[in-house]
Amino acid sequence: MRMDFIILGMALIMIGLSMLSLSTVNADVGGVILIGPIPIVFGTSTESAYSALFGALIIFLIFFALMRMRW
């Protein structure tokens, strides 16, 4: 795994968290943690949890399609 991608990912997370903490708008937050094949979905509202689950499903389908392609 390339170290520059790890640093870029951490930097993007830190920028997003700082923007969220500086905003005055009441934001809904959701996320998905994958432990093996079992997804753990969380959110501040059911709408944000469903959005996080939908986003994770889209990312999974893209990843699956890319893995099935023969280069």
N, C-alpha and C. Protein backbone atom coordinates (compact mmCIF):
# COMPACT_ATOMS: atom_id res chain seq x y z
N MET A 1 0.85 -1.17 0.00
CA MET A 1 0.00 0.00 0.00
C MET A 1 0.90 1.23 0.00
N ARG A 2 0.54 2.19 -0.83
CA ARG A 2 1.37 3.38 -0.95
C ARG A 2 1.08 4.35 0.18
N MET A 3 2.14 4.86 0.76
CA MET A 3 2.02 5.74 1.92
C MET A 3 1.40 7.08 1.55
N ASP A 4 1.61 7.55 0.31
CA ASP A 4 1.04 8.85 -0.06
C ASP A 4 -0.48 8.81 -0.13
N PHE A 5 -1.06 7.66 -0.49
CA PHE A 5 -2.52 7.53 -0.49
C PHE A 5 -3.07 7.53 0.93
N ILE A 6 -2.35 6.91 1.85
CA ILE A 6 -2.78 6.90 3.25
C ILE A 6 -2.76 8.32 3.82
N ILE A 7 -1.70 9.05 3.53
CA ILE A 7 -1.59 10.42 4.03
C ILE A 7 -2.67 11.30 3.39
N LEU A 8 -2.92 11.12 2.09
CA LEU A 8 -3.98 11.88 1.42
C LEU A 8 -5.34 11.58 2.03
N GLY A 9 -5.63 10.32 2.31
CA GLY A 9 -6.91 9.95 2.92
C GLY A 9 -7.08 10.56 4.30
N MET A 10 -6.02 10.53 5.11
CA MET A 10 -6.09 11.13 6.44
C MET A 10 -6.28 12.63 6.36
N ALA A 11 -5.61 13.26 5.39
CA ALA A 11 -5.75 14.71 5.22
C ALA A 11 -7.18 15.07 4.81
N LEU A 12 -7.78 14.29 3.90
CA LEU A 12 -9.16 14.56 3.49
C LEU A 12 -10.14 14.38 4.65
N ILE A 13 -9.90 13.38 5.49
CA ILE A 13 -10.75 13.17 6.66
C ILE A 13 -10.63 14.35 7.62
N MET A 14 -9.41 14.81 7.85
CA MET A 14 -9.21 15.93 8.77
C MET A 14 -9.84 17.22 8.22
N ILE A 15 -9.73 17.44 6.92
CA ILE A 15 -10.35 18.63 6.32
C ILE A 15 -11.87 18.56 6.45
N GLY A 16 -12.44 17.39 6.20
CA GLY A 16 -13.88 17.23 6.32
C GLY A 16 -14.37 17.42 7.74
N LEU A 17 -13.64 16.88 8.71
CA LEU A 17 -14.04 17.05 10.11
C LEU A 17 -13.92 18.50 10.56
N SER A 18 -12.88 19.18 10.11
CA SER A 18 -12.74 20.59 10.50
C SER A 18 -13.83 21.44 9.86
N MET A 19 -14.19 21.15 8.61
CA MET A 19 -15.28 21.89 7.97
C MET A 19 -16.60 21.62 8.67
N LEU A 20 -16.81 20.39 9.13
CA LEU A 20 -18.04 20.06 9.82
C LEU A 20 -18.11 20.75 11.18
N SER A 21 -16.97 20.82 11.87
CA SER A 21 -16.99 21.45 13.19
C SER A 21 -17.11 22.96 13.10
N LEU A 22 -16.66 23.57 12.00
CA LEU A 22 -16.74 25.02 11.85
C LEU A 22 -18.09 25.48 11.31
N SER A 23 -18.88 24.58 10.77
CA SER A 23 -20.16 24.99 10.18
C SER A 23 -21.17 25.26 11.29
N THR A 24 -22.08 26.18 10.99
CA THR A 24 -23.13 26.51 11.95
C THR A 24 -24.43 25.79 11.64
N VAL A 25 -24.45 25.05 10.54
CA VAL A 25 -25.65 24.32 10.13
C VAL A 25 -25.71 23.02 10.92
N ASN A 26 -26.90 22.63 11.32
CA ASN A 26 -27.08 21.38 12.03
C ASN A 26 -27.01 20.24 11.01
N ALA A 27 -25.91 19.49 11.00
CA ALA A 27 -25.68 18.48 9.96
C ALA A 27 -26.05 17.09 10.46
N ASP A 28 -26.59 16.28 9.54
CA ASP A 28 -26.82 14.87 9.82
C ASP A 28 -25.63 14.08 9.31
N VAL A 29 -25.17 13.14 10.12
CA VAL A 29 -23.96 12.38 9.79
C VAL A 29 -24.29 10.90 9.84
N GLY A 30 -23.74 10.14 8.89
CA GLY A 30 -23.93 8.71 8.88
C GLY A 30 -22.69 8.02 8.37
N GLY A 31 -22.55 6.74 8.66
CA GLY A 31 -21.39 6.01 8.19
C GLY A 31 -21.62 4.51 8.20
N VAL A 32 -20.69 3.80 7.58
CA VAL A 32 -20.77 2.35 7.49
C VAL A 32 -19.40 1.78 7.85
N ILE A 33 -19.40 0.79 8.72
CA ILE A 33 -18.17 0.06 9.05
C ILE A 33 -18.38 -1.37 8.59
N LEU A 34 -17.46 -1.85 7.76
CA LEU A 34 -17.56 -3.23 7.28
C LEU A 34 -16.58 -4.10 8.05
N ILE A 35 -17.10 -5.08 8.74
CA ILE A 35 -16.28 -6.07 9.43
C ILE A 35 -16.56 -7.39 8.72
N GLY A 36 -15.67 -7.72 7.80
CA GLY A 36 -15.90 -8.89 6.97
C GLY A 36 -17.11 -8.63 6.09
N PRO A 37 -18.04 -9.57 6.04
CA PRO A 37 -19.23 -9.35 5.21
C PRO A 37 -20.37 -8.65 5.95
N ILE A 38 -20.16 -8.29 7.20
CA ILE A 38 -21.24 -7.73 8.02
C ILE A 38 -21.11 -6.21 8.08
N PRO A 39 -22.09 -5.47 7.55
CA PRO A 39 -22.04 -4.01 7.65
C PRO A 39 -22.64 -3.51 8.96
N ILE A 40 -22.00 -2.53 9.56
CA ILE A 40 -22.54 -1.85 10.73
C ILE A 40 -22.84 -0.42 10.28
N VAL A 41 -24.12 -0.07 10.27
CA VAL A 41 -24.56 1.23 9.76
C VAL A 41 -24.96 2.09 10.96
N PHE A 42 -24.49 3.34 10.96
CA PHE A 42 -24.86 4.26 12.02
C PHE A 42 -25.15 5.63 11.43
N GLY A 43 -25.90 6.42 12.16
CA GLY A 43 -26.21 7.76 11.70
C GLY A 43 -26.96 8.53 12.77
N THR A 44 -26.97 9.86 12.61
CA THR A 44 -27.69 10.69 13.58
C THR A 44 -29.19 10.68 13.31
N SER A 45 -29.59 10.25 12.14
CA SER A 45 -31.01 10.10 11.81
C SER A 45 -31.15 8.88 10.89
N THR A 46 -32.35 8.40 10.75
CA THR A 46 -32.56 7.23 9.88
C THR A 46 -32.28 7.60 8.42
N GLU A 47 -32.55 8.85 8.06
CA GLU A 47 -32.30 9.29 6.69
C GLU A 47 -30.80 9.27 6.36
N SER A 48 -29.98 9.72 7.30
CA SER A 48 -28.54 9.71 7.06
C SER A 48 -27.98 8.29 7.08
N ALA A 49 -28.55 7.42 7.90
CA ALA A 49 -28.11 6.03 7.92
C ALA A 49 -28.44 5.34 6.59
N TYR A 50 -29.62 5.60 6.06
CA TYR A 50 -29.98 5.02 4.76
C TYR A 50 -29.10 5.57 3.65
N SER A 51 -28.77 6.85 3.72
CA SER A 51 -27.88 7.44 2.71
C SER A 51 -26.49 6.81 2.78
N ALA A 52 -25.99 6.57 3.98
CA ALA A 52 -24.68 5.94 4.14
C ALA A 52 -24.71 4.51 3.61
N LEU A 53 -25.78 3.79 3.88
CA LEU A 53 -25.91 2.43 3.39
C LEU A 53 -26.00 2.40 1.87
N PHE A 54 -26.73 3.34 1.28
CA PHE A 54 -26.84 3.42 -0.18
C PHE A 54 -25.48 3.75 -0.80
N GLY A 55 -24.75 4.67 -0.19
CA GLY A 55 -23.42 5.01 -0.69
C GLY A 55 -22.46 3.83 -0.61
N ALA A 56 -22.53 3.07 0.48
CA ALA A 56 -21.68 1.89 0.62
C ALA A 56 -22.04 0.83 -0.42
N LEU A 57 -23.32 0.69 -0.72
CA LEU A 57 -23.75 -0.26 -1.73
C LEU A 57 -23.23 0.13 -3.11
N ILE A 58 -23.29 1.41 -3.44
CA ILE A 58 -22.78 1.88 -4.73
C ILE A 58 -21.27 1.64 -4.83
N ILE A 59 -20.54 1.94 -3.77
CA ILE A 59 -19.09 1.72 -3.77
C ILE A 59 -18.78 0.23 -3.91
N PHE A 60 -19.56 -0.62 -3.24
CA PHE A 60 -19.36 -2.07 -3.35
C PHE A 60 -19.60 -2.55 -4.78
N LEU A 61 -20.65 -2.05 -5.41
CA LEU A 61 -20.94 -2.47 -6.78
C LEU A 61 -19.87 -2.03 -7.76
N ILE A 62 -19.36 -0.81 -7.58
CA ILE A 62 -18.26 -0.34 -8.44
C ILE A 62 -17.02 -1.20 -8.22
N PHE A 63 -16.70 -1.48 -6.97
CA PHE A 63 -15.53 -2.30 -6.66
C PHE A 63 -15.70 -3.70 -7.25
N PHE A 64 -16.89 -4.27 -7.11
CA PHE A 64 -17.15 -5.61 -7.63
C PHE A 64 -17.02 -5.64 -9.15
N ALA A 65 -17.54 -4.61 -9.81
CA ALA A 65 -17.45 -4.55 -11.28
C ALA A 65 -15.99 -4.40 -11.72
N LEU A 66 -15.22 -3.60 -11.02
CA LEU A 66 -13.82 -3.43 -11.37
C LEU A 66 -13.02 -4.71 -11.13
N MET A 67 -13.36 -5.46 -10.11
CA MET A 67 -12.65 -6.71 -9.83
C MET A 67 -13.00 -7.79 -10.85
N ARG A 68 -14.21 -7.73 -11.41
CA ARG A 68 -14.63 -8.73 -12.39
C ARG A 68 -14.06 -8.47 -13.78
N MET A 69 -13.60 -7.25 -14.03
CA MET A 69 -13.04 -6.91 -15.33
C MET A 69 -11.67 -7.57 -15.47
N ARG A 70 -11.38 -7.99 -16.64
CA ARG A 70 -10.07 -8.59 -16.90
C ARG A 70 -9.21 -7.56 -17.58
N TRP A 71 -8.09 -7.25 -16.98
CA TRP A 71 -7.20 -6.22 -17.52
C TRP A 71 -6.29 -6.81 -18.51
